[in-house]
Amino acid sequence: MTIYDIARIAGVSASTVSRVLNGRPGISAETRNRILSITQASGFELSEAARGLAKKSSMLIGILVSDIRNQHYTNGAYVMVEEFQKNGYCSIILNTGSDDESRVNAVRMLASRRVDGAVFIGSSFSSESMASAVATYMPSTPIVMENGVLTLDNVYSVIADDEGGLRAAVDYLYGKGRRHFSYVNANDTPSNRMKREGVEGAIAAHGLECRFLECEDSFDGGYEATNRILSEGRTDAILYSMDILAAGGVRALSDHGISVPDDVAVFGVDNSIYSVISRPSISSVDTNLSRMSSQCVRTLEDAMSGRPAEKMAELPYELVIRESTPR
C-alpha cells in the first residue's frame, strides 16, 4: 500500500496523507484520525527514505575513523551509532587510513551522500588538508571533531584533557617516590603532542629529566621500546601514550625479570580493555571515551537542528589506579 492508496480510501489528497504521517500541523482531528486508522489497519509504515525526503534530510550521519582496527576508535564509534540510531539516523562509517588523499576522498564521499552531519574520530583529522576538504565539499554541513579541532564555522569539537591527564600521572608517580622517568609515544598527532607536553611540564616542575622514545602503535612497539629503555640505563617509571603500548611494556619487563610496580611502575592512557586484561593490570589515564562520544552526538544533533551548540567542550580525565603502580 502507498500513500496514494491511503489517500484514495480516506478521500483526501496524497499531500494530506504525507502531512499527517510526518506530523505536520493544519489537518483536522477527524481527518488525521481517519488516515491514521487506515495506516494502522493496513500495517503501512513510512520509510525513512521517504520521511527524509519530506524533511529535506537524508537521515544519514557520516563517521570517519583513521584505523577501524583501533579498538579505542571503534568503541567510540559504537556509542555514536547506538545513540544516533535511537533518533532515527543511519550511520556510515568510513575507514580513511592515514594519508591525506584517502581522507579527502572520504570527505568527498560523505558529501556525495548528502549526510546531515558527520563526526571525525581522532586528533589526526586536525590537519590543513582536512580543513580544506571540509571547506570545499561540506562547507555548511555540521561536523563534530572527537578530540580534534578544525577552525571552521561549521565544525565543533569535543576534546579530552590529554595534557592534564599525563601531568597528573607523572605527579602521582612522583608522589610515590619515582624519580627516573621514561615516556613512550606512538604516532605524531595533536593529541599525543599534548600528552607529551603534560609529561614535560610535570617533569620540569619536579626538577627531573625524562627519556622520550617513539615506537609503532602496537603491542610489539611497546615491547621493543621498553627493551631499549632497559638497555639505556636506570628507570623506575614508564608512561605510554596508549594502553596497548603499556601492555607490551609490561610483558617486556616481565621477560627481563623486573617486578611491576616494585622495580618499575607503568602508566598507560585510554583505560581500555588492554589495561584490564594485562597481568599485572595497568594503571591508566581515562579520557572518558564513552562520555566524549555521547557528547559528540548531542553536539551534532544540536547543530543539525539549529539549536545552540557548544563550539568546544573539554571533558575531564580520571586516573584509574591498578596493579602496575604503587598505591
Protein backbone atom coordinates (compact mmCIF):
# COMPACT_ATOMS: atom_id res chain seq x y z
CA MET A 1 0.00 0.00 0.00
CA THR A 2 1.22 3.51 -0.87
CA ILE A 3 0.22 6.95 0.36
CA TYR A 4 -1.84 7.25 -2.85
CA ASP A 5 -3.87 4.17 -1.87
CA ILE A 6 -4.41 5.60 1.60
CA ALA A 7 -5.44 8.96 0.09
CA ARG A 8 -7.97 7.25 -2.18
CA ILE A 9 -9.51 5.26 0.71
CA ALA A 10 -9.60 8.29 3.01
CA GLY A 11 -10.96 10.59 0.31
CA VAL A 12 -8.12 13.10 0.65
CA SER A 13 -5.07 14.18 -1.32
CA ALA A 14 -1.71 12.40 -1.13
CA SER A 15 -0.16 15.58 0.26
CA THR A 16 -2.63 15.50 3.15
CA VAL A 17 -1.65 11.91 3.93
CA SER A 18 2.02 12.93 3.82
CA ARG A 19 1.40 15.83 6.23
CA VAL A 20 -0.32 13.51 8.71
CA LEU A 21 2.38 10.82 8.53
CA ASN A 22 5.12 13.41 9.06
CA GLY A 23 3.32 15.04 12.00
CA ARG A 24 2.67 18.35 10.22
CA PRO A 25 0.03 20.76 11.56
CA GLY A 26 -3.01 22.14 9.73
CA ILE A 27 -5.03 18.91 9.46
CA SER A 28 -8.35 18.47 11.29
CA ALA A 29 -8.50 15.90 14.07
CA GLU A 30 -11.21 13.97 12.18
CA THR A 31 -9.14 13.69 9.01
CA ARG A 32 -5.96 12.90 10.93
CA ASN A 33 -7.67 10.09 12.89
CA ARG A 34 -9.24 8.66 9.69
CA ILE A 35 -5.87 8.50 7.93
CA LEU A 36 -4.07 7.03 10.96
CA SER A 37 -6.78 4.35 11.34
CA ILE A 38 -6.27 3.30 7.72
CA THR A 39 -2.49 3.14 8.05
CA GLN A 40 -2.70 1.14 11.27
CA ALA A 41 -5.18 -1.32 9.84
CA SER A 42 -3.04 -1.86 6.74
CA GLY A 43 0.27 -2.03 8.62
CA PHE A 44 1.65 0.81 6.49
CA GLU A 45 4.96 2.34 7.56
CA LEU A 46 6.55 5.39 6.01
CA SER A 47 10.11 4.52 5.04
CA GLU A 48 12.96 6.55 6.47
CA ALA A 49 13.98 7.47 2.93
CA ALA A 50 10.54 8.90 2.24
CA ARG A 51 10.45 10.61 5.61
CA GLY A 52 13.84 12.09 4.91
CA LEU A 53 12.70 13.46 1.56
CA ALA A 54 9.72 15.07 3.23
CA LYS A 55 12.02 16.73 5.75
CA LYS A 56 14.70 17.51 3.13
CA SER A 57 17.00 15.31 5.20
CA SER A 58 18.98 12.18 4.33
CA MET A 59 18.80 10.86 7.92
CA LEU A 60 22.42 9.81 7.41
CA ILE A 61 25.40 10.54 9.66
CA GLY A 62 28.97 10.09 8.44
CA ILE A 63 31.64 8.84 10.84
CA LEU A 64 35.30 8.93 9.82
CA VAL A 65 37.86 6.69 11.54
CA SER A 66 41.52 6.60 10.54
CA ASP A 67 42.01 2.93 11.51
CA ILE A 68 38.95 0.83 12.25
CA ARG A 69 41.21 -1.83 13.80
CA ASN A 70 41.95 0.54 16.67
CA GLN A 71 39.60 -0.55 19.44
CA HIS A 72 39.66 2.86 21.09
CA TYR A 73 38.18 4.39 17.93
CA THR A 74 35.68 1.62 17.26
CA ASN A 75 34.38 1.72 20.84
CA GLY A 76 33.68 5.41 20.36
CA ALA A 77 32.01 4.79 17.01
CA TYR A 78 29.82 2.10 18.58
CA VAL A 79 28.49 4.53 21.19
CA MET A 80 27.70 7.08 18.48
CA VAL A 81 25.95 4.62 16.16
CA GLU A 82 23.74 3.40 19.00
CA GLU A 83 22.73 6.89 20.09
CA PHE A 84 22.17 8.24 16.57
CA GLN A 85 20.02 5.21 15.80
CA LYS A 86 17.71 6.00 18.70
CA ASN A 87 16.80 9.22 16.89
CA GLY A 88 16.23 7.55 13.54
CA TYR A 89 19.63 8.19 11.94
CA CYS A 90 21.63 5.65 9.95
CA SER A 91 25.40 5.92 10.31
CA ILE A 92 28.01 5.44 7.59
CA ILE A 93 31.46 4.54 8.96
CA LEU A 94 34.43 5.05 6.65
CA ASN A 95 37.95 3.80 7.35
CA THR A 96 40.15 6.56 5.94
CA GLY A 97 43.69 5.37 6.57
CA SER A 98 46.39 7.88 7.40
CA ASP A 99 47.23 9.51 4.05
CA ASP A 100 45.76 12.88 3.10
CA GLU A 101 44.40 11.76 -0.28
CA SER A 102 42.30 8.97 1.24
CA ARG A 103 40.94 11.27 3.94
CA VAL A 104 39.99 13.98 1.48
CA ASN A 105 38.29 11.35 -0.66
CA ALA A 106 36.31 10.19 2.40
CA VAL A 107 35.03 13.73 2.93
CA ARG A 108 34.06 13.87 -0.74
CA MET A 109 32.17 10.56 -0.40
CA LEU A 110 30.21 11.82 2.61
CA ALA A 111 29.30 14.98 0.71
CA SER A 112 28.09 12.95 -2.28
CA ARG A 113 25.75 11.00 0.01
CA ARG A 114 24.36 14.25 1.43
CA VAL A 115 24.83 13.29 5.07
CA ASP A 116 23.05 15.53 7.55
CA GLY A 117 26.17 15.71 9.74
CA ALA A 118 29.46 13.99 10.45
CA VAL A 119 31.86 13.05 13.24
CA PHE A 120 35.61 12.75 12.73
CA ILE A 121 37.13 10.49 15.40
CA GLY A 122 40.67 11.30 16.47
CA SER A 123 43.02 14.26 16.53
CA SER A 124 44.79 13.06 13.37
CA PHE A 125 41.97 14.69 11.37
CA SER A 126 43.14 18.09 12.66
CA SER A 127 45.09 18.99 9.53
CA GLU A 128 45.17 21.66 6.85
CA SER A 129 44.18 19.15 4.17
CA MET A 130 41.05 18.16 6.12
CA ALA A 131 40.16 21.80 6.76
CA SER A 132 40.45 22.47 3.03
CA ALA A 133 38.39 19.36 2.16
CA VAL A 134 35.59 20.32 4.56
CA ALA A 135 35.56 23.92 3.31
CA THR A 136 35.35 22.64 -0.27
CA TYR A 137 32.92 19.73 -0.06
CA MET A 138 30.97 20.18 3.19
CA PRO A 139 31.07 23.92 3.92
CA SER A 140 27.68 24.09 5.64
CA THR A 141 27.31 20.52 6.99
CA PRO A 142 27.61 20.35 10.79
CA ILE A 143 30.71 18.37 11.80
CA VAL A 144 31.97 17.39 15.25
CA MET A 145 35.61 16.52 15.91
CA GLU A 146 36.16 13.95 18.66
CA ASN A 147 39.41 15.05 20.32
CA GLY A 148 40.35 17.24 17.37
CA VAL A 149 39.99 20.81 16.15
CA LEU A 150 39.31 22.45 12.77
CA THR A 151 38.81 26.21 12.86
CA LEU A 152 35.75 26.39 10.59
CA ASP A 153 32.33 27.85 11.34
CA ASN A 154 30.50 24.55 10.82
CA VAL A 155 32.93 22.44 12.89
CA TYR A 156 32.59 21.75 16.62
CA SER A 157 34.99 19.98 18.99
CA VAL A 158 34.75 17.67 21.99
CA ILE A 159 38.23 17.15 23.37
CA ALA A 160 39.99 15.32 26.19
CA ASP A 161 42.35 16.99 28.65
CA ASP A 162 45.32 14.94 27.44
CA GLU A 163 47.91 17.35 28.80
CA GLY A 164 46.33 17.49 32.26
CA GLY A 165 45.92 13.72 32.41
CA LEU A 166 49.58 12.96 31.72
CA ARG A 167 50.72 15.72 34.04
CA ALA A 168 48.63 14.16 36.81
CA ALA A 169 50.05 10.69 36.08
CA VAL A 170 53.61 11.98 36.47
CA ASP A 171 52.64 13.80 39.68
CA TYR A 172 51.10 10.60 41.04
CA LEU A 173 54.24 8.56 40.37
CA TYR A 174 56.45 11.30 41.77
CA GLY A 175 54.36 11.23 44.93
CA LYS A 176 55.10 7.51 45.18
CA GLY A 177 58.85 8.15 45.15
CA ARG A 178 59.62 7.63 41.45
CA ARG A 179 62.42 9.81 40.05
CA HIS A 180 63.73 8.14 36.84
CA PHE A 181 61.07 8.59 34.17
CA SER A 182 60.66 7.40 30.58
CA TYR A 183 57.85 8.16 28.14
CA VAL A 184 56.93 6.06 25.09
CA ASN A 185 54.83 7.57 22.31
CA ALA A 186 53.27 6.21 19.11
CA ASN A 187 52.12 8.46 16.25
CA ASP A 188 52.69 12.18 15.89
CA THR A 189 49.17 13.55 16.42
CA PRO A 190 47.92 16.73 18.12
CA SER A 191 46.55 14.60 20.97
CA ASN A 192 49.87 12.85 21.53
CA ARG A 193 51.71 16.16 21.40
CA MET A 194 49.51 17.39 24.22
CA LYS A 195 50.29 14.23 26.20
CA ARG A 196 53.99 14.84 25.78
CA GLU A 197 53.58 18.46 26.87
CA GLY A 198 51.86 17.22 30.02
CA VAL A 199 54.76 14.89 30.78
CA GLU A 200 57.37 17.56 30.01
CA GLY A 201 55.60 20.12 32.18
CA ALA A 202 55.34 17.84 35.20
CA ILE A 203 58.91 16.57 34.83
CA ALA A 204 60.24 20.15 34.67
CA ALA A 205 58.15 21.20 37.67
CA HIS A 206 59.77 18.44 39.74
CA GLY A 207 63.29 19.27 38.51
CA LEU A 208 63.75 15.86 36.86
CA GLU A 209 64.68 14.51 33.44
CA CYS A 210 62.81 12.06 31.23
CA ARG A 211 63.75 9.86 28.28
CA PHE A 212 61.37 10.11 25.31
CA LEU A 213 61.03 7.29 22.79
CA GLU A 214 58.91 6.79 19.67
CA CYS A 215 57.55 3.43 18.53
CA GLU A 216 54.89 1.74 16.40
CA ASP A 217 51.34 1.82 17.79
CA SER A 218 51.19 -1.84 18.71
CA PHE A 219 51.92 -4.34 21.48
CA ASP A 220 55.22 -5.17 19.77
CA GLY A 221 56.05 -1.49 19.51
CA GLY A 222 55.67 -1.05 23.26
CA TYR A 223 57.65 -4.22 23.89
CA GLU A 224 60.62 -3.14 21.76
CA ALA A 225 60.63 0.41 23.13
CA THR A 226 60.76 -0.94 26.67
CA ASN A 227 63.69 -3.17 25.78
CA ARG A 228 65.52 -0.07 24.54
CA ILE A 229 64.77 1.78 27.76
CA LEU A 230 66.15 -1.07 29.84
CA SER A 231 69.32 -1.20 27.76
CA GLU A 232 69.98 2.54 28.14
CA GLY A 233 70.08 2.90 31.90
CA ARG A 234 68.05 3.14 35.05
CA THR A 235 64.30 3.75 35.09
CA ASP A 236 61.66 3.30 37.78
CA ALA A 237 58.62 4.72 35.97
CA ILE A 238 57.47 4.37 32.36
CA LEU A 239 54.47 6.14 30.86
CA TYR A 240 52.97 5.13 27.49
CA SER A 241 50.73 7.17 25.19
CA MET A 242 48.40 4.16 24.68
CA ASP A 243 47.39 1.19 26.82
CA ILE A 244 48.38 -1.32 24.15
CA LEU A 245 51.95 0.03 24.27
CA ALA A 246 51.89 -0.29 28.05
CA ALA A 247 50.74 -3.90 27.73
CA GLY A 248 53.76 -4.64 25.56
CA GLY A 249 55.93 -2.83 28.09
CA VAL A 250 54.65 -4.92 30.99
CA ARG A 251 55.45 -8.08 29.04
CA ALA A 252 58.99 -6.86 28.30
CA LEU A 253 59.60 -6.01 31.94
CA SER A 254 58.35 -9.43 32.97
CA ASP A 255 60.61 -11.15 30.43
CA HIS A 256 63.57 -9.29 31.98
CA GLY A 257 62.58 -10.46 35.46
CA ILE A 258 61.71 -6.92 36.56
CA SER A 259 58.94 -6.57 39.12
CA VAL A 260 56.00 -4.26 38.33
CA PRO A 261 55.42 -2.00 40.21
CA ASP A 262 58.13 -2.66 42.82
CA ASP A 263 61.02 -2.01 40.43
CA VAL A 264 59.28 -0.13 37.62
CA ALA A 265 55.84 1.49 37.68
CA VAL A 266 53.78 1.57 34.44
CA PHE A 267 51.07 4.02 33.34
CA GLY A 268 49.01 3.88 30.14
CA VAL A 269 46.34 6.04 28.51
CA ASP A 270 42.73 5.29 27.42
CA ASN A 271 41.58 2.94 30.21
CA SER A 272 40.96 0.32 27.53
CA ILE A 273 40.45 -3.42 27.76
CA TYR A 274 44.23 -3.85 27.35
CA SER A 275 44.81 -2.22 30.72
CA VAL A 276 42.34 -4.60 32.36
CA ILE A 277 43.47 -7.94 30.90
CA SER A 278 47.20 -7.29 31.31
CA ARG A 279 48.94 -9.01 34.21
CA PRO A 280 49.58 -7.07 36.28
CA SER A 281 46.67 -4.83 35.33
CA ILE A 282 47.76 -1.38 34.16
CA SER A 283 47.02 1.99 35.72
CA SER A 284 45.67 4.32 33.03
CA VAL A 285 44.58 7.86 32.30
CA ASP A 286 40.88 7.55 31.46
CA THR A 287 39.89 10.20 28.90
CA ASN A 288 36.21 9.27 29.28
CA LEU A 289 35.72 7.93 25.74
CA SER A 290 32.10 6.89 26.23
CA ARG A 291 31.14 10.26 27.67
CA MET A 292 33.08 12.06 24.93
CA SER A 293 31.29 10.08 22.21
CA SER A 294 27.89 10.79 23.75
CA GLN A 295 28.75 14.49 23.91
CA CYS A 296 29.68 14.39 20.22
CA VAL A 297 26.23 13.02 19.42
CA ARG A 298 24.45 15.69 21.47
CA THR A 299 26.55 18.48 19.98
CA LEU A 300 25.95 17.30 16.41
CA GLU A 301 22.21 16.87 16.94
CA ASP A 302 22.02 20.38 18.40
CA ALA A 303 23.91 21.81 15.42
CA MET A 304 21.80 19.91 12.87
CA SER A 305 18.55 21.05 14.47
CA GLY A 306 19.61 24.67 14.66
CA ARG A 307 19.82 24.71 18.45
CA PRO A 308 22.79 26.45 20.13
CA ALA A 309 25.75 24.04 20.11
CA GLU A 310 28.88 24.35 22.23
CA LYS A 311 31.77 25.22 19.92
CA MET A 312 34.36 23.43 22.05
CA ALA A 313 33.83 21.20 25.09
CA GLU A 314 36.73 19.79 27.12
CA LEU A 315 35.97 16.76 29.27
CA PRO A 316 37.90 15.90 32.44
CA TYR A 317 40.27 12.95 32.83
CA GLU A 318 40.39 10.39 35.62
CA LEU A 319 43.37 8.40 36.92
CA VAL A 320 42.44 4.74 37.21
CA ILE A 321 44.94 3.12 39.55
CA ARG A 322 45.57 -0.59 39.12
CA GLU A 323 48.34 -3.10 39.91
CA SER A 324 51.10 -1.56 37.77
CA THR A 325 51.61 1.43 40.09
CA PRO A 326 52.10 1.71 43.87
CA ARG A 327 49.01 2.58 45.87
